[in-house]
Amino acid sequence: MRQPPLRPDTLQARRASGIALRALPAWLSVLLSTSLASLSGPAWALYKVVGPDGRVTYTDRAPVDKPAKAIKANGASVPTDALPYELQKVVSRFPVTLYTGNNCTPCDTARQLLKARGVPFTEKTVVSSEDIRQFRSQEATDQLPTVRIGQKQLSGLQHNDWTAYLDAAGYPATSALPPGYQHSPPTPLVPIEPKPGNAPGASDAAPGTPTTPVAPAGNTPAGIRF
């Protein structure tokens, strides 16, 4: 008998009823893999658009009526040359991107989960106001951590759900990374561009010029939930 499609909310119900997602039946693993494959799509680019009034916006769609600058060629910047061939194939089909914030305990746990399993991933930090605007526009959520496995988005750390989708994507259950592998360091979601006139080596402030107070690093970005 053909099994009916499984909705995402059904996955939540399975977990609540005590059915371990690690023991997904074969037909569900195939279904999840097929769904992820159909959503994987081509690598996406990030474009910077400057409006007539000088306002800067970011989009993942190339504007047809405005000049735009591509500032990110690929959503997955994980180096794969040193990876085993089978893992290279998984990473190329279902790249993993983790979005994190400062002083976010669930984000630290999520990062450790991926590293312990040996999942190569790109980490993007959501800290500045530009990061927050782009994150909300791109991911349609304000919750951290958020992970993308291919094009599948999972917001908030739910260990069983993350594990189930990593399984379905084909990531090994235990680390297959080569000895000495180093994960890429986290980078801001919106690349920091040097301000005009700030030449390398120039003095940060002229003598006698008051400096602008800097907010404590531990402050949670406005509107972002952990």
Foldseek 3Di string as FASTA:
>chain_A
DDDDDDDPVVVVVCVVVPNFLVPDDPVVLQVLLVVLQVQLDDFWWKKWFQDPVRDIDIDRDDDPPGDIDTPGDGPFPFDPPQAPPVLSVLCVRWAKEKEAEPPDVQSVVVVVLCVQQAHAHAYAYQYDPNLQVVCCVPVVDQEPTWMGTSNDIDGTDDPRVVVNSCVSSPRDRGHRGDPPDDHDDYYHPDHDDDDPPPDPPDDPDDPPDDDDDDDDRRDDPPPHHD
